[in-house]
Amino acid sequence: MNLHDFLSQALAALDLLDEVQRLQANMGAQVDALRSADSSSPSWAKDLGQIQKDYAKVSGKLVALSEITTVFSVQREKLDKP
């Protein structure tokens, strides 16, 4: 892995982390709204559906982030070898 590839992967990881944090914040706000809303309300079901979609996005992004960190770990081990 050359420096350009390494930096590209690092930037991709930061982008994924930023997106995960944004989605988690949205999910937190939606959960708070669900707690205070009437569960028979149509917006309650809509909010729950959005939380499920955001959760799926977060899960996918965390998998991608895990793959990137695995690549970094492998490269670090290669660099650490004398």
N, C-alpha and C. Protein backbone atom coordinates (compact mmCIF):
# COMPACT_ATOMS: atom_id res chain seq x y z
N MET A 1 0.86 -1.17 0.00
CA MET A 1 0.00 0.00 0.00
C MET A 1 0.90 1.23 0.00
N ASN A 2 0.71 2.08 -1.00
CA ASN A 2 1.52 3.29 -1.05
C ASN A 2 0.86 4.40 -0.22
N LEU A 3 1.55 5.51 -0.09
CA LEU A 3 1.06 6.61 0.74
C LEU A 3 -0.28 7.14 0.23
N HIS A 4 -0.44 7.26 -1.07
CA HIS A 4 -1.69 7.77 -1.63
C HIS A 4 -2.86 6.86 -1.26
N ASP A 5 -2.66 5.55 -1.41
CA ASP A 5 -3.71 4.59 -1.05
C ASP A 5 -4.02 4.65 0.44
N PHE A 6 -2.97 4.76 1.24
CA PHE A 6 -3.14 4.83 2.68
C PHE A 6 -3.96 6.06 3.06
N LEU A 7 -3.61 7.21 2.49
CA LEU A 7 -4.33 8.43 2.80
C LEU A 7 -5.77 8.38 2.29
N SER A 8 -5.98 7.78 1.14
CA SER A 8 -7.34 7.62 0.61
C SER A 8 -8.18 6.77 1.55
N GLN A 9 -7.60 5.68 2.05
CA GLN A 9 -8.31 4.82 2.99
C GLN A 9 -8.59 5.55 4.30
N ALA A 10 -7.64 6.35 4.75
CA ALA A 10 -7.82 7.11 5.98
C ALA A 10 -8.96 8.12 5.83
N LEU A 11 -8.99 8.80 4.70
CA LEU A 11 -10.07 9.75 4.45
C LEU A 11 -11.42 9.04 4.34
N ALA A 12 -11.44 7.89 3.72
CA ALA A 12 -12.67 7.11 3.61
C ALA A 12 -13.15 6.69 5.01
N ALA A 13 -12.22 6.31 5.86
CA ALA A 13 -12.57 5.92 7.22
C ALA A 13 -13.15 7.10 7.99
N LEU A 14 -12.55 8.27 7.82
CA LEU A 14 -13.07 9.46 8.49
C LEU A 14 -14.46 9.83 7.98
N ASP A 15 -14.68 9.71 6.69
CA ASP A 15 -16.00 9.97 6.12
C ASP A 15 -17.04 9.00 6.68
N LEU A 16 -16.67 7.73 6.76
CA LEU A 16 -17.59 6.73 7.32
C LEU A 16 -17.89 7.01 8.78
N LEU A 17 -16.87 7.37 9.53
CA LEU A 17 -17.06 7.67 10.94
C LEU A 17 -17.98 8.88 11.12
N ASP A 18 -17.79 9.89 10.31
CA ASP A 18 -18.64 11.09 10.36
C ASP A 18 -20.09 10.72 10.06
N GLU A 19 -20.30 9.89 9.05
CA GLU A 19 -21.65 9.47 8.68
C GLU A 19 -22.29 8.63 9.79
N VAL A 20 -21.52 7.75 10.40
CA VAL A 20 -22.03 6.94 11.51
C VAL A 20 -22.45 7.84 12.68
N GLN A 21 -21.62 8.81 13.00
CA GLN A 21 -21.95 9.72 14.10
C GLN A 21 -23.21 10.52 13.80
N ARG A 22 -23.36 10.96 12.56
CA ARG A 22 -24.55 11.72 12.17
C ARG A 22 -25.80 10.84 12.27
N LEU A 23 -25.70 9.63 11.76
CA LEU A 23 -26.84 8.72 11.83
C LEU A 23 -27.19 8.36 13.27
N GLN A 24 -26.19 8.17 14.10
CA GLN A 24 -26.45 7.85 15.50
C GLN A 24 -27.14 9.02 16.21
N ALA A 25 -26.74 10.23 15.90
CA ALA A 25 -27.39 11.40 16.49
C ALA A 25 -28.85 11.48 16.04
N ASN A 26 -29.09 11.23 14.76
CA ASN A 26 -30.47 11.23 14.26
C ASN A 26 -31.29 10.15 14.94
N MET A 27 -30.70 8.98 15.08
CA MET A 27 -31.41 7.87 15.73
C MET A 27 -31.73 8.22 17.19
N GLY A 28 -30.80 8.85 17.87
CA GLY A 28 -31.04 9.25 19.25
C GLY A 28 -32.20 10.22 19.37
N ALA A 29 -32.25 11.19 18.46
CA ALA A 29 -33.36 12.15 18.47
C ALA A 29 -34.68 11.46 18.16
N GLN A 30 -34.65 10.52 17.24
CA GLN A 30 -35.87 9.79 16.89
C GLN A 30 -36.35 8.91 18.05
N VAL A 31 -35.41 8.28 18.74
CA VAL A 31 -35.78 7.46 19.90
C VAL A 31 -36.40 8.34 20.98
N ASP A 32 -35.82 9.51 21.21
CA ASP A 32 -36.39 10.43 22.20
C ASP A 32 -37.81 10.83 21.80
N ALA A 33 -38.02 11.08 20.51
CA ALA A 33 -39.35 11.45 20.03
C ALA A 33 -40.33 10.29 20.23
N LEU A 34 -39.87 9.08 19.99
CA LEU A 34 -40.74 7.91 20.18
C LEU A 34 -41.14 7.74 21.64
N ARG A 35 -40.21 8.01 22.52
CA ARG A 35 -40.49 7.85 23.96
C ARG A 35 -41.61 8.78 24.42
N SER A 36 -41.67 9.96 23.82
CA SER A 36 -42.66 10.93 24.27
C SER A 36 -43.93 10.94 23.41
N ALA A 37 -43.94 10.15 22.35
CA ALA A 37 -45.09 10.16 21.43
C ALA A 37 -46.08 9.05 21.79
N ASP A 38 -47.27 9.23 21.30
CA ASP A 38 -48.32 8.22 21.44
C ASP A 38 -48.04 7.10 20.44
N SER A 39 -47.94 5.86 20.91
CA SER A 39 -47.57 4.76 20.03
C SER A 39 -48.64 4.44 18.99
N SER A 40 -49.84 4.98 19.13
CA SER A 40 -50.88 4.75 18.13
C SER A 40 -50.83 5.79 17.01
N SER A 41 -49.98 6.77 17.16
CA SER A 41 -49.86 7.84 16.17
C SER A 41 -49.15 7.35 14.90
N PRO A 42 -49.59 7.81 13.73
CA PRO A 42 -48.92 7.41 12.48
C PRO A 42 -47.45 7.84 12.43
N SER A 43 -47.13 8.96 13.06
CA SER A 43 -45.74 9.42 13.04
C SER A 43 -44.84 8.49 13.86
N TRP A 44 -45.42 7.82 14.85
CA TRP A 44 -44.65 6.88 15.66
C TRP A 44 -44.13 5.76 14.79
N ALA A 45 -44.98 5.19 13.97
CA ALA A 45 -44.58 4.10 13.07
C ALA A 45 -43.57 4.59 12.04
N LYS A 46 -43.78 5.80 11.56
CA LYS A 46 -42.84 6.38 10.58
C LYS A 46 -41.46 6.56 11.21
N ASP A 47 -41.44 7.11 12.42
CA ASP A 47 -40.16 7.30 13.11
C ASP A 47 -39.46 5.97 13.39
N LEU A 48 -40.24 4.98 13.78
CA LEU A 48 -39.66 3.66 14.03
C LEU A 48 -39.08 3.09 12.75
N GLY A 49 -39.78 3.25 11.63
CA GLY A 49 -39.26 2.78 10.34
C GLY A 49 -37.98 3.48 9.96
N GLN A 50 -37.90 4.78 10.23
CA GLN A 50 -36.68 5.54 9.91
C GLN A 50 -35.52 5.09 10.78
N ILE A 51 -35.79 4.81 12.05
CA ILE A 51 -34.75 4.32 12.94
C ILE A 51 -34.21 2.99 12.42
N GLN A 52 -35.09 2.12 11.96
CA GLN A 52 -34.66 0.83 11.43
C GLN A 52 -33.80 1.02 10.18
N LYS A 53 -34.17 1.96 9.31
CA LYS A 53 -33.37 2.23 8.11
C LYS A 53 -32.00 2.79 8.49
N ASP A 54 -31.99 3.74 9.44
CA ASP A 54 -30.73 4.33 9.88
C ASP A 54 -29.84 3.28 10.55
N TYR A 55 -30.45 2.38 11.31
CA TYR A 55 -29.69 1.32 11.96
C TYR A 55 -29.02 0.44 10.92
N ALA A 56 -29.74 0.11 9.87
CA ALA A 56 -29.17 -0.71 8.80
C ALA A 56 -28.01 0.02 8.13
N LYS A 57 -28.15 1.33 7.91
CA LYS A 57 -27.06 2.12 7.32
C LYS A 57 -25.84 2.13 8.23
N VAL A 58 -26.09 2.36 9.53
CA VAL A 58 -24.98 2.40 10.49
C VAL A 58 -24.27 1.05 10.51
N SER A 59 -25.02 -0.02 10.52
CA SER A 59 -24.42 -1.35 10.54
C SER A 59 -23.53 -1.57 9.32
N GLY A 60 -24.02 -1.19 8.15
CA GLY A 60 -23.22 -1.34 6.93
C GLY A 60 -21.97 -0.49 6.95
N LYS A 61 -22.09 0.72 7.45
CA LYS A 61 -20.93 1.61 7.50
C LYS A 61 -19.91 1.12 8.53
N LEU A 62 -20.38 0.54 9.62
CA LEU A 62 -19.45 0.00 10.61
C LEU A 62 -18.70 -1.21 10.06
N VAL A 63 -19.36 -2.00 9.25
CA VAL A 63 -18.69 -3.13 8.60
C VAL A 63 -17.59 -2.60 7.68
N ALA A 64 -17.91 -1.59 6.88
CA ALA A 64 -16.92 -1.00 5.97
C ALA A 64 -15.76 -0.40 6.76
N LEU A 65 -16.08 0.27 7.85
CA LEU A 65 -15.04 0.87 8.70
C LEU A 65 -14.16 -0.22 9.30
N SER A 66 -14.75 -1.31 9.70
CA SER A 66 -14.00 -2.44 10.23
C SER A 66 -13.05 -3.00 9.18
N GLU A 67 -13.51 -3.10 7.94
CA GLU A 67 -12.66 -3.60 6.87
C GLU A 67 -11.46 -2.67 6.64
N ILE A 68 -11.71 -1.39 6.68
CA ILE A 68 -10.62 -0.43 6.50
C ILE A 68 -9.61 -0.54 7.64
N THR A 69 -10.09 -0.64 8.87
CA THR A 69 -9.16 -0.73 10.00
C THR A 69 -8.37 -2.04 9.96
N THR A 70 -8.98 -3.10 9.42
CA THR A 70 -8.25 -4.36 9.26
C THR A 70 -7.09 -4.17 8.28
N VAL A 71 -7.35 -3.48 7.19
CA VAL A 71 -6.29 -3.19 6.21
C VAL A 71 -5.19 -2.38 6.88
N PHE A 72 -5.55 -1.38 7.68
CA PHE A 72 -4.55 -0.58 8.38
C PHE A 72 -3.72 -1.45 9.32
N SER A 73 -4.37 -2.35 10.02
CA SER A 73 -3.65 -3.22 10.95
C SER A 73 -2.65 -4.10 10.22
N VAL A 74 -3.05 -4.66 9.11
CA VAL A 74 -2.15 -5.51 8.32
C VAL A 74 -0.97 -4.69 7.83
N GLN A 75 -1.23 -3.50 7.34
CA GLN A 75 -0.14 -2.65 6.85
C GLN A 75 0.79 -2.25 7.98
N ARG A 76 0.22 -2.00 9.15
CA ARG A 76 1.06 -1.62 10.30
C ARG A 76 1.98 -2.77 10.70
N GLU A 77 1.42 -3.98 10.69
CA GLU A 77 2.24 -5.14 11.02
C GLU A 77 3.39 -5.30 10.03
N LYS A 78 3.11 -5.03 8.76
CA LYS A 78 4.18 -5.11 7.75
C LYS A 78 5.26 -4.07 8.01
N LEU A 79 4.83 -2.88 8.40
CA LEU A 79 5.79 -1.80 8.65
C LEU A 79 6.59 -2.04 9.92
N ASP A 80 5.98 -2.71 10.90
CA ASP A 80 6.66 -2.97 12.16
C ASP A 80 7.71 -4.07 12.08
N LYS A 81 7.62 -4.89 11.04
CA LYS A 81 8.60 -5.96 10.89
C LYS A 81 9.94 -5.39 10.47
N PRO A 82 11.02 -5.88 11.12
CA PRO A 82 12.35 -5.34 10.76
C PRO A 82 12.81 -5.80 9.39
